[in-house]
Amino acid sequence: MAKMQLLDLTLPTPEENLALDEALLEEAEQGTAPVELMRLWEPQDPLVVIGRASKLREEVDLEACQTRGISVLRRASGGASVVTGRGCLMYAVILSYELHPELAALDACHRYVMGRIQTALVREVPEVDFQGTCDLTLNGRKFSGNSLRCKRSHLIYHGTLLYDFDLALIHTLLRTPPRMPDYRQKRPHESFVTNVPIARDILRRNLIEAWEIGGDVTDWPVTRTQKLVAEKYTNSQWTSMR
């Protein structure tokens, strides 16, 4: 089986970074060979990212975002809203159904990806747990939220890893979510989220080892990314469609 490749790339704007994740999935779909790729990136400024089906005003305090000049963007995958920025490592894995037919079952997909990431983290923090549908937690507090999008031959599974993030931003910018996992026990953001105490370099190294990365790639779908930025991620109708 071909080794997974690494794309360690943060683009200049939030729109480009969200577009690149989607472009990587589209490119894998249109290729003739199965693709296995992990991308790592980290925005330098705070950013709110809502899920494909999220109701914007129900999940996000738009006035607080506007006051602080913080972008709000809608991603192509499901799940609820997240706040990211410096101190939050973002990852995405492109996986092939040809190489992993068992991932067609969503529960198996969650277990596979979360299991790999949990393996990367418990080496440093043994108490890291997998709770809910696809959350990683420390002492019952969430530090990683994840979502996926499935296509015909590939899927993208991506999410957040809070390691040194300004957690106050989360309850400042997000409203109480409309859906909560049982383990949350209706806790507000302030008593539900946390950082996992692992330095970024170690976090990155352990992820690369856990996913058995076989090499780095530098090529990425520039034209496809730019097209998605122009047509979707800078389009206010896409962001505010719900």
Protein backbone atom coordinates (compact mmCIF):
# COMPACT_ATOMS: atom_id res chain seq x y z
CA MET A 1 0.00 0.00 0.00
CA ALA A 2 1.26 3.46 -0.90
CA LYS A 3 2.45 5.56 2.03
CA MET A 4 0.50 8.64 3.01
CA GLN A 5 2.05 11.91 1.86
CA LEU A 6 2.29 15.15 3.85
CA LEU A 7 1.33 18.63 2.66
CA ASP A 8 2.42 21.11 5.35
CA LEU A 9 0.97 24.31 3.94
CA THR A 10 -0.80 27.34 5.38
CA LEU A 11 -1.99 29.76 2.71
CA PRO A 12 -2.19 33.55 3.29
CA THR A 13 -5.99 33.91 3.69
CA PRO A 14 -8.75 32.00 5.51
CA GLU A 15 -10.66 31.62 2.25
CA GLU A 16 -7.69 29.99 0.53
CA ASN A 17 -7.13 27.61 3.41
CA LEU A 18 -10.71 26.33 3.42
CA ALA A 19 -10.73 26.15 -0.36
CA LEU A 20 -7.54 24.10 -0.42
CA ASP A 21 -9.06 21.35 1.73
CA GLU A 22 -11.98 21.07 -0.68
CA ALA A 23 -9.70 21.28 -3.72
CA LEU A 24 -7.58 18.40 -2.42
CA LEU A 25 -10.68 16.21 -2.18
CA GLU A 26 -11.85 17.23 -5.66
CA GLU A 27 -8.43 16.54 -7.15
CA ALA A 28 -8.30 13.09 -5.55
CA GLU A 29 -11.77 12.33 -6.92
CA GLN A 30 -10.77 13.22 -10.45
CA GLY A 31 -7.50 11.31 -10.46
CA THR A 32 -6.96 7.80 -11.73
CA ALA A 33 -5.09 6.44 -8.70
CA PRO A 34 -6.03 6.35 -5.00
CA VAL A 35 -4.71 9.27 -2.95
CA GLU A 36 -3.63 9.23 0.70
CA LEU A 37 -2.64 12.66 1.96
CA MET A 38 -2.43 14.56 5.24
CA ARG A 39 -2.40 18.33 5.27
CA LEU A 40 -1.35 20.40 8.30
CA TRP A 41 -1.94 24.12 8.61
CA GLU A 42 -2.47 26.81 11.24
CA PRO A 43 -4.10 30.21 10.77
CA GLN A 44 -2.31 33.12 12.41
CA ASP A 45 -5.47 35.13 13.09
CA PRO A 46 -8.74 34.05 14.75
CA LEU A 47 -11.29 32.54 12.39
CA VAL A 48 -14.80 31.13 12.80
CA VAL A 49 -15.67 28.18 10.56
CA ILE A 50 -19.25 26.95 10.39
CA GLY A 51 -20.47 23.59 9.10
CA ARG A 52 -22.09 23.06 5.73
CA ALA A 53 -25.56 22.83 7.29
CA SER A 54 -25.00 25.27 10.17
CA LYS A 55 -27.49 28.08 10.75
CA LEU A 56 -25.19 31.07 10.85
CA ARG A 57 -26.95 33.32 13.38
CA GLU A 58 -27.97 30.39 15.55
CA GLU A 59 -24.38 29.27 16.10
CA VAL A 60 -22.30 32.45 15.76
CA ASP A 61 -22.36 35.86 17.47
CA LEU A 62 -21.91 37.83 14.26
CA GLU A 63 -21.78 41.18 16.04
CA ALA A 64 -18.89 40.00 18.23
CA CYS A 65 -17.06 38.76 15.13
CA GLN A 66 -17.64 42.00 13.24
CA THR A 67 -16.51 44.12 16.20
CA ARG A 68 -13.23 42.19 16.32
CA GLY A 69 -12.78 41.97 12.56
CA ILE A 70 -12.90 38.16 12.64
CA SER A 71 -13.82 36.30 9.46
CA VAL A 72 -16.71 33.82 9.44
CA LEU A 73 -16.62 31.19 6.69
CA ARG A 74 -18.68 28.10 5.83
CA ARG A 75 -16.84 24.86 5.07
CA ALA A 76 -17.94 22.10 2.72
CA SER A 77 -18.17 19.40 5.41
CA GLY A 78 -20.75 18.89 8.13
CA GLY A 79 -20.56 19.43 11.86
CA ALA A 80 -20.96 22.51 14.02
CA SER A 81 -19.07 25.79 14.26
CA VAL A 82 -15.50 26.05 15.50
CA VAL A 83 -13.10 28.86 16.32
CA THR A 84 -9.52 28.46 15.19
CA GLY A 85 -6.38 30.58 14.97
CA ARG A 86 -2.87 30.69 16.40
CA GLY A 87 -2.50 27.84 18.87
CA CYS A 88 -4.92 25.56 17.01
CA LEU A 89 -3.33 23.08 14.61
CA MET A 90 -5.62 22.16 11.72
CA TYR A 91 -5.32 18.82 9.99
CA ALA A 92 -7.02 17.16 7.03
CA VAL A 93 -6.62 13.63 5.73
CA ILE A 94 -7.70 12.50 2.29
CA LEU A 95 -8.45 8.77 2.33
CA SER A 96 -9.24 6.35 -0.49
CA TYR A 97 -12.15 3.89 -0.37
CA GLU A 98 -10.21 1.64 -2.72
CA LEU A 99 -7.48 1.30 -0.11
CA HIS A 100 -9.88 1.38 2.86
CA PRO A 101 -13.28 -0.02 1.80
CA GLU A 102 -14.28 -0.39 5.46
CA LEU A 103 -14.39 3.41 5.80
CA ALA A 104 -17.68 3.48 3.90
CA ALA A 105 -19.24 2.81 7.33
CA LEU A 106 -19.17 6.14 9.16
CA ASP A 107 -18.62 4.62 12.60
CA ALA A 108 -15.60 2.75 11.28
CA CYS A 109 -14.33 5.94 9.66
CA HIS A 110 -14.56 7.89 12.92
CA ARG A 111 -12.80 5.11 14.83
CA TYR A 112 -10.05 4.82 12.23
CA VAL A 113 -9.13 8.49 12.05
CA MET A 114 -9.68 9.33 15.71
CA GLY A 115 -7.77 6.20 16.69
CA ARG A 116 -4.72 7.31 14.69
CA ILE A 117 -4.80 10.81 16.14
CA GLN A 118 -5.40 9.56 19.67
CA THR A 119 -2.38 7.27 19.25
CA ALA A 120 -0.30 10.32 18.31
CA LEU A 121 -1.36 12.19 21.44
CA VAL A 122 -1.41 9.57 24.21
CA ARG A 123 2.36 9.22 23.88
CA GLU A 124 2.58 12.66 25.50
CA VAL A 125 -0.73 12.84 27.41
CA PRO A 126 -2.00 9.35 28.31
CA GLU A 127 -5.37 10.69 29.51
CA VAL A 128 -6.51 11.74 26.02
CA ASP A 129 -9.91 10.14 25.36
CA PHE A 130 -12.25 9.65 22.39
CA GLN A 131 -15.80 10.74 23.28
CA GLY A 132 -19.03 11.51 21.46
CA THR A 133 -19.14 10.92 17.72
CA CYS A 134 -15.70 12.29 16.89
CA ASP A 135 -14.34 14.42 19.74
CA LEU A 136 -11.01 14.11 21.50
CA THR A 137 -11.05 15.15 25.13
CA LEU A 138 -8.83 15.62 28.16
CA ASN A 139 -10.49 15.09 31.54
CA GLY A 140 -13.90 15.37 29.89
CA ARG A 141 -13.07 18.63 28.12
CA LYS A 142 -12.95 18.83 24.33
CA PHE A 143 -9.83 19.97 22.50
CA SER A 144 -10.50 18.46 19.07
CA GLY A 145 -13.62 18.71 16.92
CA ASN A 146 -13.81 16.93 13.58
CA SER A 147 -15.96 16.51 10.50
CA LEU A 148 -15.91 14.70 7.20
CA ARG A 149 -17.19 14.80 3.66
CA CYS A 150 -17.59 11.67 1.58
CA LYS A 151 -17.44 11.51 -2.20
CA ARG A 152 -17.46 8.59 -4.64
CA SER A 153 -13.87 7.32 -4.32
CA HIS A 154 -12.36 9.43 -1.52
CA LEU A 155 -13.28 11.23 1.68
CA ILE A 156 -11.83 14.14 3.59
CA TYR A 157 -11.69 13.98 7.38
CA HIS A 158 -10.53 17.19 9.00
CA GLY A 159 -10.55 18.97 12.29
CA THR A 160 -8.96 21.05 15.02
CA LEU A 161 -6.34 20.39 17.69
CA LEU A 162 -6.31 23.09 20.37
CA TYR A 163 -2.89 23.11 22.00
CA ASP A 164 -2.19 26.76 22.98
CA PHE A 165 -5.34 28.62 21.93
CA ASP A 166 -7.05 31.63 23.50
CA LEU A 167 -10.06 29.66 24.75
CA ALA A 168 -11.96 32.81 25.78
CA LEU A 169 -12.51 33.51 22.08
CA ILE A 170 -14.75 30.46 21.78
CA HIS A 171 -17.45 31.59 24.19
CA THR A 172 -17.06 35.17 22.97
CA LEU A 173 -17.67 34.32 19.30
CA LEU A 174 -19.94 31.26 19.41
CA ARG A 175 -23.42 30.87 20.81
CA THR A 176 -24.61 27.82 22.71
CA PRO A 177 -24.64 25.04 20.10
CA PRO A 178 -28.04 23.70 19.03
CA ARG A 179 -26.85 20.09 19.43
CA MET A 180 -24.61 18.73 22.16
CA PRO A 181 -23.11 15.29 22.81
CA ASP A 182 -24.38 13.61 25.95
CA TYR A 183 -20.99 13.75 27.65
CA ARG A 184 -21.05 17.55 27.45
CA GLN A 185 -23.91 17.60 29.99
CA LYS A 186 -25.05 21.00 28.69
CA ARG A 187 -21.88 22.69 29.90
CA PRO A 188 -21.12 26.17 28.49
CA HIS A 189 -18.05 26.62 26.31
CA GLU A 190 -16.03 27.98 29.25
CA SER A 191 -16.20 24.68 31.15
CA PHE A 192 -16.24 22.38 28.12
CA VAL A 193 -13.18 23.22 25.99
CA THR A 194 -9.49 22.99 26.82
CA ASN A 195 -6.03 22.88 25.27
CA VAL A 196 -4.05 19.65 25.09
CA PRO A 197 -0.64 20.49 26.63
CA ILE A 198 1.60 19.35 23.78
CA ALA A 199 4.04 21.68 22.02
CA ARG A 200 3.29 22.25 18.34
CA ASP A 201 6.51 20.65 17.08
CA ILE A 202 5.87 17.50 19.10
CA LEU A 203 2.21 17.43 18.05
CA ARG A 204 3.24 17.66 14.41
CA ARG A 205 5.98 15.02 14.77
CA ASN A 206 3.69 12.54 16.50
CA LEU A 207 0.94 12.98 13.91
CA ILE A 208 3.43 12.31 11.12
CA GLU A 209 4.63 9.16 12.89
CA ALA A 210 1.12 7.92 13.74
CA TRP A 211 0.02 8.27 10.11
CA GLU A 212 3.23 6.65 8.85
CA ILE A 213 3.93 9.51 6.46
CA GLY A 214 6.08 8.39 3.54
CA GLY A 215 7.19 11.77 2.22
CA ASP A 216 6.36 15.42 1.63
CA VAL A 217 4.53 16.88 -1.34
CA THR A 218 4.91 20.45 -2.53
CA ASP A 219 2.49 20.44 -5.46
CA TRP A 220 -1.06 21.47 -4.66
CA PRO A 221 -4.13 22.31 -6.78
CA VAL A 222 -3.54 26.05 -7.19
CA THR A 223 -6.04 26.71 -9.98
CA ARG A 224 -8.78 24.62 -8.39
CA THR A 225 -8.23 26.37 -5.05
CA GLN A 226 -8.41 29.83 -6.65
CA LYS A 227 -11.61 28.85 -8.46
CA LEU A 228 -13.24 27.74 -5.19
CA VAL A 229 -12.13 30.95 -3.48
CA ALA A 230 -13.70 33.05 -6.23
CA GLU A 231 -16.92 31.06 -6.59
CA LYS A 232 -17.59 29.92 -3.02
CA TYR A 233 -15.40 31.11 -0.18
CA THR A 234 -15.56 34.83 -0.98
CA ASN A 235 -19.24 34.53 -1.89
CA SER A 236 -21.42 35.90 0.91
CA GLN A 237 -24.38 33.91 -0.42
CA TRP A 238 -22.54 30.66 0.35
CA THR A 239 -21.58 31.78 3.85
CA SER A 240 -25.03 33.11 4.76
CA MET A 241 -27.17 30.54 2.92
CA ARG A 242 -28.58 29.28 6.24
